[in-house]
Amino acid sequence: MDLYIYYRVLPAQTQVLQARLKAVQAVLQTRFDVTVGMKRRPGEQDGKQTWMEIYEHLPSGQEDDFSRALEQALAEAGIPALIDGPRHVEHFEDVALCA
């Protein structure tokens, strides 16, 4: 299963956000052996950027542990104070293709 989290950020917060997210993702990548990524939508809307955190290949059976660890790590890094509005969390799973 993969996890995608997106939210809005004021441009003045982006450098601090990126540095803190990079640190959080490095810890989670090592602890849970997940593939991590960060993306940003091009341009701005209403003076804000849209950012996305990506966590791919969550270990089966550890999704709840990962979610708790993620929330704790984001809180400890002060990420919620750097974003504008709610975080939108989406889960996706692979679909088997027919032969």
PDB file of N, CA and C in Angstrom:
ATOM      1  N   MET A   1       0.841  -1.168   0.000  1.00  0.00           N
ATOM      2  CA  MET A   1       0.000   0.000   0.000  1.00  0.00           C
ATOM      3  C   MET A   1       0.888   1.233   0.000  1.00  0.00           C
ATOM      4  N   ASP A   2       0.398   2.276  -0.647  1.00  0.00           N
ATOM      5  CA  ASP A   2       1.112   3.548  -0.717  1.00  0.00           C
ATOM      6  C   ASP A   2       0.281   4.634  -0.045  1.00  0.00           C
ATOM      7  N   LEU A   3       0.969   5.619   0.487  1.00  0.00           N
ATOM      8  CA  LEU A   3       0.331   6.707   1.216  1.00  0.00           C
ATOM      9  C   LEU A   3       0.743   8.031   0.580  1.00  0.00           C
ATOM     10  N   TYR A   4      -0.257   8.869   0.277  1.00  0.00           N
ATOM     11  CA  TYR A   4      -0.026  10.190  -0.306  1.00  0.00           C
ATOM     12  C   TYR A   4      -0.702  11.219   0.588  1.00  0.00           C
ATOM     13  N   ILE A   5       0.046  12.246   0.975  1.00  0.00           N
ATOM     14  CA  ILE A   5      -0.479  13.280   1.869  1.00  0.00           C
ATOM     15  C   ILE A   5      -0.212  14.627   1.205  1.00  0.00           C
ATOM     16  N   TYR A   6      -1.273  15.406   0.992  1.00  0.00           N
ATOM     17  CA  TYR A   6      -1.063  16.713   0.376  1.00  0.00           C
ATOM     18  C   TYR A   6      -1.712  17.805   1.202  1.00  0.00           C
ATOM     19  N   TYR A   7      -1.161  19.028   1.042  1.00  0.00           N
ATOM     20  CA  TYR A   7      -1.600  20.172   1.833  1.00  0.00           C
ATOM     21  C   TYR A   7      -1.052  21.452   1.212  1.00  0.00           C
ATOM     22  N   ARG A   8      -1.511  22.566   1.711  1.00  0.00           N
ATOM     23  CA  ARG A   8      -1.114  23.890   1.213  1.00  0.00           C
ATOM     24  C   ARG A   8      -0.052  24.484   2.125  1.00  0.00           C
ATOM     25  N   VAL A   9       0.854  25.255   1.517  1.00  0.00           N
ATOM     26  CA  VAL A   9       1.966  25.862   2.246  1.00  0.00           C
ATOM     27  C   VAL A   9       2.194  27.274   1.742  1.00  0.00           C
ATOM     28  N   LEU A  10       2.416  28.199   2.663  1.00  0.00           N
ATOM     29  CA  LEU A  10       2.807  29.547   2.268  1.00  0.00           C
ATOM     30  C   LEU A  10       4.241  29.514   1.765  1.00  0.00           C
ATOM     31  N   PRO A  11       4.557  30.222   0.688  1.00  0.00           N
ATOM     32  CA  PRO A  11       5.913  30.188   0.135  1.00  0.00           C
ATOM     33  C   PRO A  11       7.009  30.506   1.168  1.00  0.00           C
ATOM     34  N   ALA A  12       6.729  31.367   2.117  1.00  0.00           N
ATOM     35  CA  ALA A  12       7.728  31.719   3.128  1.00  0.00           C
ATOM     36  C   ALA A  12       8.106  30.534   4.023  1.00  0.00           C
ATOM     37  N   GLN A  13       7.294  29.490   4.050  1.00  0.00           N
ATOM     38  CA  GLN A  13       7.544  28.331   4.911  1.00  0.00           C
ATOM     39  C   GLN A  13       8.230  27.170   4.184  1.00  0.00           C
ATOM     40  N   THR A  14       8.387  27.262   2.878  1.00  0.00           N
ATOM     41  CA  THR A  14       8.792  26.090   2.107  1.00  0.00           C
ATOM     42  C   THR A  14      10.205  25.595   2.415  1.00  0.00           C
ATOM     43  N   GLN A  15      11.162  26.484   2.640  1.00  0.00           N
ATOM     44  CA  GLN A  15      12.527  26.021   2.912  1.00  0.00           C
ATOM     45  C   GLN A  15      12.604  25.259   4.229  1.00  0.00           C
ATOM     46  N   VAL A  16      11.959  25.783   5.250  1.00  0.00           N
ATOM     47  CA  VAL A  16      11.954  25.110   6.549  1.00  0.00           C
ATOM     48  C   VAL A  16      11.192  23.795   6.443  1.00  0.00           C
ATOM     49  N   LEU A  17      10.046  23.819   5.774  1.00  0.00           N
ATOM     50  CA  LEU A  17       9.253  22.604   5.594  1.00  0.00           C
ATOM     51  C   LEU A  17      10.065  21.523   4.898  1.00  0.00           C
ATOM     52  N   GLN A  18      10.722  21.873   3.810  1.00  0.00           N
ATOM     53  CA  GLN A  18      11.478  20.885   3.055  1.00  0.00           C
ATOM     54  C   GLN A  18      12.578  20.258   3.912  1.00  0.00           C
ATOM     55  N   ALA A  19      13.311  21.046   4.648  1.00  0.00           N
ATOM     56  CA  ALA A  19      14.388  20.517   5.490  1.00  0.00           C
ATOM     57  C   ALA A  19      13.843  19.581   6.565  1.00  0.00           C
ATOM     58  N   ARG A  20      12.755  19.979   7.202  1.00  0.00           N
ATOM     59  CA  ARG A  20      12.180  19.141   8.260  1.00  0.00           C
ATOM     60  C   ARG A  20      11.577  17.861   7.702  1.00  0.00           C
ATOM     61  N   LEU A  21      10.896  17.964   6.566  1.00  0.00           N
ATOM     62  CA  LEU A  21      10.315  16.764   5.948  1.00  0.00           C
ATOM     63  C   LEU A  21      11.392  15.786   5.511  1.00  0.00           C
ATOM     64  N   LYS A  22      12.470  16.309   4.978  1.00  0.00           N
ATOM     65  CA  LYS A  22      13.566  15.446   4.547  1.00  0.00           C
ATOM     66  C   LYS A  22      14.087  14.628   5.728  1.00  0.00           C
ATOM     67  N   ALA A  23      14.232  15.266   6.871  1.00  0.00           N
ATOM     68  CA  ALA A  23      14.714  14.572   8.072  1.00  0.00           C
ATOM     69  C   ALA A  23      13.702  13.525   8.547  1.00  0.00           C
ATOM     70  N   VAL A  24      12.429  13.897   8.581  1.00  0.00           N
ATOM     71  CA  VAL A  24      11.378  12.960   9.004  1.00  0.00           C
ATOM     72  C   VAL A  24      11.343  11.757   8.067  1.00  0.00           C
ATOM     73  N   GLN A  25      11.383  12.014   6.774  1.00  0.00           N
ATOM     74  CA  GLN A  25      11.296  10.926   5.821  1.00  0.00           C
ATOM     75  C   GLN A  25      12.512  10.005   5.890  1.00  0.00           C
ATOM     76  N   ALA A  26      13.678  10.546   6.165  1.00  0.00           N
ATOM     77  CA  ALA A  26      14.876   9.709   6.279  1.00  0.00           C
ATOM     78  C   ALA A  26      14.734   8.714   7.431  1.00  0.00           C
ATOM     79  N   VAL A  27      14.196   9.178   8.543  1.00  0.00           N
ATOM     80  CA  VAL A  27      13.994   8.295   9.697  1.00  0.00           C
ATOM     81  C   VAL A  27      12.968   7.211   9.375  1.00  0.00           C
ATOM     82  N   LEU A  28      11.841   7.605   8.791  1.00  0.00           N
ATOM     83  CA  LEU A  28      10.793   6.638   8.467  1.00  0.00           C
ATOM     84  C   LEU A  28      11.240   5.652   7.396  1.00  0.00           C
ATOM     85  N   GLN A  29      12.018   6.115   6.449  1.00  0.00           N
ATOM     86  CA  GLN A  29      12.521   5.240   5.395  1.00  0.00           C
ATOM     87  C   GLN A  29      13.383   4.129   5.991  1.00  0.00           C
ATOM     88  N   THR A  30      14.241   4.496   6.912  1.00  0.00           N
ATOM     89  CA  THR A  30      15.113   3.510   7.550  1.00  0.00           C
ATOM     90  C   THR A  30      14.325   2.587   8.468  1.00  0.00           C
ATOM     91  N   ARG A  31      13.437   3.163   9.263  1.00  0.00           N
ATOM     92  CA  ARG A  31      12.698   2.368  10.259  1.00  0.00           C
ATOM     93  C   ARG A  31      11.726   1.382   9.627  1.00  0.00           C
ATOM     94  N   PHE A  32      11.062   1.786   8.544  1.00  0.00           N
ATOM     95  CA  PHE A  32      10.009   0.953   7.954  1.00  0.00           C
ATOM     96  C   PHE A  32      10.362   0.407   6.564  1.00  0.00           C
ATOM     97  N   ASP A  33      11.529   0.743   6.049  1.00  0.00           N
ATOM     98  CA  ASP A  33      11.948   0.289   4.729  1.00  0.00           C
ATOM     99  C   ASP A  33      10.922   0.656   3.654  1.00  0.00           C
ATOM    100  N   VAL A  34      10.508   1.923   3.659  1.00  0.00           N
ATOM    101  CA  VAL A  34       9.570   2.433   2.660  1.00  0.00           C
ATOM    102  C   VAL A  34      10.314   3.345   1.693  1.00  0.00           C
ATOM    103  N   THR A  35       9.731   3.531   0.528  1.00  0.00           N
ATOM    104  CA  THR A  35      10.247   4.494  -0.434  1.00  0.00           C
ATOM    105  C   THR A  35       9.544   5.817  -0.172  1.00  0.00           C
ATOM    106  N   VAL A  36      10.307   6.891  -0.042  1.00  0.00           N
ATOM    107  CA  VAL A  36       9.725   8.192   0.288  1.00  0.00           C
ATOM    108  C   VAL A  36       9.930   9.163  -0.864  1.00  0.00           C
ATOM    109  N   GLY A  37       9.113  10.192  -0.884  1.00  0.00           N
ATOM    110  CA  GLY A  37       9.247  11.231  -1.888  1.00  0.00           C
ATOM    111  C   GLY A  37       8.513  12.487  -1.471  1.00  0.00           C
ATOM    112  N   MET A  38       8.846  13.574  -2.139  1.00  0.00           N
ATOM    113  CA  MET A  38       8.206  14.868  -1.927  1.00  0.00           C
ATOM    114  C   MET A  38       7.933  15.473  -3.294  1.00  0.00           C
ATOM    115  N   LYS A  39       6.768  16.054  -3.441  1.00  0.00           N
ATOM    116  CA  LYS A  39       6.432  16.729  -4.694  1.00  0.00           C
ATOM    117  C   LYS A  39       5.751  18.051  -4.376  1.00  0.00           C
ATOM    118  N   ARG A  40       5.790  18.932  -5.379  1.00  0.00           N
ATOM    119  CA  ARG A  40       5.122  20.214  -5.258  1.00  0.00           C
ATOM    120  C   ARG A  40       4.425  20.501  -6.578  1.00  0.00           C
ATOM    121  N   ARG A  41       3.172  20.928  -6.474  1.00  0.00           N
ATOM    122  CA  ARG A  41       2.440  21.312  -7.683  1.00  0.00           C
ATOM    123  C   ARG A  41       3.086  22.580  -8.245  1.00  0.00           C
ATOM    124  N   PRO A  42       3.269  22.665  -9.563  1.00  0.00           N
ATOM    125  CA  PRO A  42       3.856  23.878 -10.148  1.00  0.00           C
ATOM    126  C   PRO A  42       2.988  25.105  -9.862  1.00  0.00           C
ATOM    127  N   GLY A  43       3.636  26.211  -9.600  1.00  0.00           N
ATOM    128  CA  GLY A  43       2.932  27.473  -9.397  1.00  0.00           C
ATOM    129  C   GLY A  43       2.276  27.562  -8.037  1.00  0.00           C
ATOM    130  N   GLU A  44       1.459  28.578  -7.895  1.00  0.00           N
ATOM    131  CA  GLU A  44       0.747  28.832  -6.646  1.00  0.00           C
ATOM    132  C   GLU A  44      -0.719  29.066  -6.941  1.00  0.00           C
ATOM    133  N   GLN A  45      -1.550  28.829  -5.945  1.00  0.00           N
ATOM    134  CA  GLN A  45      -2.966  29.137  -6.031  1.00  0.00           C
ATOM    135  C   GLN A  45      -3.325  29.893  -4.765  1.00  0.00           C
ATOM    136  N   ASP A  46      -3.912  31.057  -4.909  1.00  0.00           N
ATOM    137  CA  ASP A  46      -4.267  31.906  -3.767  1.00  0.00           C
ATOM    138  C   ASP A  46      -3.052  32.193  -2.893  1.00  0.00           C
ATOM    139  N   GLY A  47      -1.879  32.342  -3.524  1.00  0.00           N
ATOM    140  CA  GLY A  47      -0.666  32.670  -2.800  1.00  0.00           C
ATOM    141  C   GLY A  47      -0.075  31.523  -1.998  1.00  0.00           C
ATOM    142  N   LYS A  48      -0.490  30.283  -2.308  1.00  0.00           N
ATOM    143  CA  LYS A  48       0.013  29.110  -1.586  1.00  0.00           C
ATOM    144  C   LYS A  48       0.454  28.049  -2.571  1.00  0.00           C
ATOM    145  N   GLN A  49       1.366  27.206  -2.111  1.00  0.00           N
ATOM    146  CA  GLN A  49       1.810  26.066  -2.892  1.00  0.00           C
ATOM    147  C   GLN A  49       1.131  24.809  -2.357  1.00  0.00           C
ATOM    148  N   THR A  50       0.988  23.814  -3.219  1.00  0.00           N
ATOM    149  CA  THR A  50       0.481  22.513  -2.788  1.00  0.00           C
ATOM    150  C   THR A  50       1.652  21.545  -2.786  1.00  0.00           C
ATOM    151  N   TRP A  51       1.862  20.917  -1.625  1.00  0.00           N
ATOM    152  CA  TRP A  51       2.944  19.948  -1.449  1.00  0.00           C
ATOM    153  C   TRP A  51       2.366  18.573  -1.201  1.00  0.00           C
ATOM    154  N   MET A  52       3.160  17.546  -1.542  1.00  0.00           N
ATOM    155  CA  MET A  52       2.734  16.172  -1.315  1.00  0.00           C
ATOM    156  C   MET A  52       3.895  15.353  -0.751  1.00  0.00           C
ATOM    157  N   GLU A  53       3.586  14.607   0.299  1.00  0.00           N
ATOM    158  CA  GLU A  53       4.521  13.611   0.831  1.00  0.00           C
ATOM    159  C   GLU A  53       4.094  12.268   0.265  1.00  0.00           C
ATOM    160  N   ILE A  54       5.075  11.431  -0.078  1.00  0.00           N
ATOM    161  CA  ILE A  54       4.789  10.121  -0.633  1.00  0.00           C
ATOM    162  C   ILE A  54       5.532   9.064   0.184  1.00  0.00           C
ATOM    163  N   TYR A  55       4.801   8.010   0.523  1.00  0.00           N
ATOM    164  CA  TYR A  55       5.371   6.866   1.235  1.00  0.00           C
ATOM    165  C   TYR A  55       4.879   5.617   0.510  1.00  0.00           C
ATOM    166  N   GLU A  56       5.794   4.950  -0.203  1.00  0.00           N
ATOM    167  CA  GLU A  56       5.404   3.799  -1.027  1.00  0.00           C
ATOM    168  C   GLU A  56       5.873   2.496  -0.401  1.00  0.00           C
ATOM    169  N   HIS A  57       5.089   1.466  -0.669  1.00  0.00           N
ATOM    170  CA  HIS A  57       5.408   0.099  -0.254  1.00  0.00           C
ATOM    171  C   HIS A  57       5.423  -0.043   1.272  1.00  0.00           C
ATOM    172  N   LEU A  58       4.353   0.446   1.910  1.00  0.00           N
ATOM    173  CA  LEU A  58       4.244   0.264   3.358  1.00  0.00           C
ATOM    174  C   LEU A  58       4.226  -1.226   3.660  1.00  0.00           C
ATOM    175  N   PRO A  59       4.960  -1.651   4.674  1.00  0.00           N
ATOM    176  CA  PRO A  59       4.995  -3.073   5.009  1.00  0.00           C
ATOM    177  C   PRO A  59       3.606  -3.580   5.390  1.00  0.00           C
ATOM    178  N   SER A  60       3.213  -4.690   4.794  1.00  0.00           N
ATOM    179  CA  SER A  60       1.914  -5.287   5.080  1.00  0.00           C
ATOM    180  C   SER A  60       1.805  -5.620   6.561  1.00  0.00           C
ATOM    181  N   GLY A  61       0.698  -5.230   7.152  1.00  0.00           N
ATOM    182  CA  GLY A  61       0.464  -5.483   8.565  1.00  0.00           C
ATOM    183  C   GLY A  61       1.039  -4.424   9.486  1.00  0.00           C
ATOM    184  N   GLN A  62       1.790  -3.470   8.943  1.00  0.00           N
ATOM    185  CA  GLN A  62       2.382  -2.418   9.763  1.00  0.00           C
ATOM    186  C   GLN A  62       1.823  -1.033   9.429  1.00  0.00           C
ATOM    187  N   GLU A  63       0.730  -0.992   8.688  1.00  0.00           N
ATOM    188  CA  GLU A  63       0.177   0.300   8.276  1.00  0.00           C
ATOM    189  C   GLU A  63      -0.186   1.173   9.470  1.00  0.00           C
ATOM    190  N   ASP A  64      -0.792   0.584  10.495  1.00  0.00           N
ATOM    191  CA  ASP A  64      -1.174   1.365  11.673  1.00  0.00           C
ATOM    192  C   ASP A  64       0.051   1.854  12.428  1.00  0.00           C
ATOM    193  N   ASP A  65       1.058   0.990  12.569  1.00  0.00           N
ATOM    194  CA  ASP A  65       2.304   1.395  13.231  1.00  0.00           C
ATOM    195  C   ASP A  65       2.967   2.531  12.464  1.00  0.00           C
ATOM    196  N   PHE A  66       2.972   2.417  11.137  1.00  0.00           N
ATOM    197  CA  PHE A  66       3.571   3.464  10.317  1.00  0.00           C
ATOM    198  C   PHE A  66       2.813   4.779  10.483  1.00  0.00           C
ATOM    199  N   SER A  67       1.494   4.725  10.424  1.00  0.00           N
ATOM    200  CA  SER A  67       0.688   5.945  10.555  1.00  0.00           C
ATOM    201  C   SER A  67       0.929   6.635  11.891  1.00  0.00           C
ATOM    202  N   ARG A  68       1.005   5.858  12.959  1.00  0.00           N
ATOM    203  CA  ARG A  68       1.285   6.444  14.274  1.00  0.00           C
ATOM    204  C   ARG A  68       2.682   7.066  14.319  1.00  0.00           C
ATOM    205  N   ALA A  69       3.661   6.357  13.793  1.00  0.00           N
ATOM    206  CA  ALA A  69       5.038   6.872  13.782  1.00  0.00           C
ATOM    207  C   ALA A  69       5.134   8.135  12.929  1.00  0.00           C
ATOM    208  N   LEU A  70       4.433   8.156  11.807  1.00  0.00           N
ATOM    209  CA  LEU A  70       4.427   9.329  10.935  1.00  0.00           C
ATOM    210  C   LEU A  70       3.830  10.531  11.650  1.00  0.00           C
ATOM    211  N   GLU A  71       2.670  10.349  12.243  1.00  0.00           N
ATOM    212  CA  GLU A  71       2.014  11.460  12.947  1.00  0.00           C
ATOM    213  C   GLU A  71       2.892  12.000  14.073  1.00  0.00           C
ATOM    214  N   GLN A  72       3.517  11.104  14.816  1.00  0.00           N
ATOM    215  CA  GLN A  72       4.382  11.528  15.917  1.00  0.00           C
ATOM    216  C   GLN A  72       5.606  12.285  15.380  1.00  0.00           C
ATOM    217  N   ALA A  73       6.217  11.765  14.329  1.00  0.00           N
ATOM    218  CA  ALA A  73       7.400  12.409  13.762  1.00  0.00           C
ATOM    219  C   ALA A  73       7.067  13.787  13.186  1.00  0.00           C
ATOM    220  N   LEU A  74       5.928  13.901  12.513  1.00  0.00           N
ATOM    221  CA  LEU A  74       5.520  15.202  11.967  1.00  0.00           C
ATOM    222  C   LEU A  74       5.256  16.205  13.085  1.00  0.00           C
ATOM    223  N   ALA A  75       4.607  15.756  14.146  1.00  0.00           N
ATOM    224  CA  ALA A  75       4.321  16.639  15.281  1.00  0.00           C
ATOM    225  C   ALA A  75       5.614  17.092  15.942  1.00  0.00           C
ATOM    226  N   GLU A  76       6.521  16.158  16.175  1.00  0.00           N
ATOM    227  CA  GLU A  76       7.790  16.498  16.825  1.00  0.00           C
ATOM    228  C   GLU A  76       8.629  17.455  15.977  1.00  0.00           C
ATOM    229  N   ALA A  77       8.514  17.361  14.659  1.00  0.00           N
ATOM    230  CA  ALA A  77       9.261  18.237  13.755  1.00  0.00           C
ATOM    231  C   ALA A  77       8.575  19.583  13.549  1.00  0.00           C
ATOM    232  N   GLY A  78       7.377  19.740  14.093  1.00  0.00           N
ATOM    233  CA  GLY A  78       6.658  21.008  13.954  1.00  0.00           C
ATOM    234  C   GLY A  78       6.054  21.230  12.585  1.00  0.00           C
ATOM    235  N   ILE A  79       5.841  20.170  11.845  1.00  0.00           N
ATOM    236  CA  ILE A  79       5.283  20.289  10.492  1.00  0.00           C
ATOM    237  C   ILE A  79       3.882  20.897  10.489  1.00  0.00           C
ATOM    238  N   PRO A  80       2.988  20.509  11.400  1.00  0.00           N
ATOM    239  CA  PRO A  80       1.642  21.099  11.353  1.00  0.00           C
ATOM    240  C   PRO A  80       1.632  22.635  11.421  1.00  0.00           C
ATOM    241  N   ALA A  81       2.583  23.227  12.096  1.00  0.00           N
ATOM    242  CA  ALA A  81       2.632  24.685  12.201  1.00  0.00           C
ATOM    243  C   ALA A  81       3.091  25.341  10.899  1.00  0.00           C
ATOM    244  N   LEU A  82       3.669  24.574   9.998  1.00  0.00           N
ATOM    245  CA  LEU A  82       4.196  25.123   8.750  1.00  0.00           C
ATOM    246  C   LEU A  82       3.217  25.042   7.593  1.00  0.00           C
ATOM    247  N   ILE A  83       2.129  24.304   7.762  1.00  0.00           N
ATOM    248  CA  ILE A  83       1.181  24.155   6.661  1.00  0.00           C
ATOM    249  C   ILE A  83      -0.058  25.004   6.914  1.00  0.00           C
ATOM    250  N   ASP A  84      -0.795  25.250   5.843  1.00  0.00           N
ATOM    251  CA  ASP A  84      -1.980  26.090   5.917  1.00  0.00           C
ATOM    252  C   ASP A  84      -3.209  25.233   5.641  1.00  0.00           C
ATOM    253  N   GLY A  85      -3.969  24.944   6.677  1.00  0.00           N
ATOM    254  CA  GLY A  85      -5.170  24.144   6.488  1.00  0.00           C
ATOM    255  C   GLY A  85      -4.924  22.677   6.783  1.00  0.00           C
ATOM    256  N   PRO A  86      -5.882  21.848   6.392  1.00  0.00           N
ATOM    257  CA  PRO A  86      -5.806  20.421   6.727  1.00  0.00           C
ATOM    258  C   PRO A  86      -4.840  19.654   5.827  1.00  0.00           C
ATOM    259  N   ARG A  87      -4.387  18.533   6.322  1.00  0.00           N
ATOM    260  CA  ARG A  87      -3.630  17.553   5.546  1.00  0.00           C
ATOM    261  C   ARG A  87      -4.633  16.562   4.968  1.00  0.00           C
ATOM    262  N   HIS A  88      -4.478  16.236   3.718  1.00  0.00           N
ATOM    263  CA  HIS A  88      -5.360  15.280   3.056  1.00  0.00           C
ATOM    264  C   HIS A  88      -4.570  13.993   2.852  1.00  0.00           C
ATOM    265  N   VAL A  89      -5.057  12.908   3.436  1.00  0.00           N
ATOM    266  CA  VAL A  89      -4.356  11.624   3.405  1.00  0.00           C
ATOM    267  C   VAL A  89      -5.109  10.664   2.494  1.00  0.00           C
ATOM    268  N   GLU A  90      -4.377  10.063   1.563  1.00  0.00           N
ATOM    269  CA  GLU A  90      -4.957   9.108   0.618  1.00  0.00           C
ATOM    270  C   GLU A  90      -4.124   7.826   0.645  1.00  0.00           C
ATOM    271  N   HIS A  91      -4.801   6.691   0.649  1.00  0.00           N
ATOM    272  CA  HIS A  91      -4.157   5.382   0.576  1.00  0.00           C
ATOM    273  C   HIS A  91      -4.477   4.760  -0.778  1.00  0.00           C
ATOM    274  N   PHE A  92      -3.467   4.167  -1.413  1.00  0.00           N
ATOM    275  CA  PHE A  92      -3.654   3.471  -2.677  1.00  0.00           C
ATOM    276  C   PHE A  92      -2.967   2.118  -2.589  1.00  0.00           C
ATOM    277  N   GLU A  93      -3.564   1.136  -3.248  1.00  0.00           N
ATOM    278  CA  GLU A  93      -2.950  -0.182  -3.308  1.00  0.00           C
ATOM    279  C   GLU A  93      -2.723  -0.571  -4.749  1.00  0.00           C
ATOM    280  N   ASP A  94      -1.778  -1.468  -4.965  1.00  0.00           N
ATOM    281  CA  ASP A  94      -1.484  -1.933  -6.325  1.00  0.00           C
ATOM    282  C   ASP A  94      -2.659  -2.755  -6.848  1.00  0.00           C
ATOM    283  N   VAL A  95      -2.834  -2.696  -8.142  1.00  0.00           N
ATOM    284  CA  VAL A  95      -3.867  -3.474  -8.808  1.00  0.00           C
ATOM    285  C   VAL A  95      -3.151  -4.499  -9.696  1.00  0.00           C
ATOM    286  N   ALA A  96      -3.531  -5.747  -9.532  1.00  0.00           N
ATOM    287  CA  ALA A  96      -2.930  -6.803 -10.354  1.00  0.00           C
ATOM    288  C   ALA A  96      -3.441  -6.674 -11.791  1.00  0.00           C
ATOM    289  N   LEU A  97      -2.522  -6.709 -12.714  1.00  0.00           N
ATOM    290  CA  LEU A  97      -2.885  -6.634 -14.121  1.00  0.00           C
ATOM    291  C   LEU A  97      -3.111  -8.038 -14.669  1.00  0.00           C
ATOM    292  N   CYS A  98      -4.098  -8.178 -15.534  1.00  0.00           N
ATOM    293  CA  CYS A  98      -4.367  -9.467 -16.173  1.00  0.00           C
ATOM    294  C   CYS A  98      -3.296  -9.769 -17.217  1.00  0.00           C
ATOM    295  N   ALA A  99      -3.018 -11.026 -17.401  1.00  0.00           N
ATOM    296  CA  ALA A  99      -1.999 -11.432 -18.388  1.00  0.00           C
ATOM    297  C   ALA A  99      -2.501 -11.320 -19.789  1.00  0.00           C
TER     298      ALA A  99
END
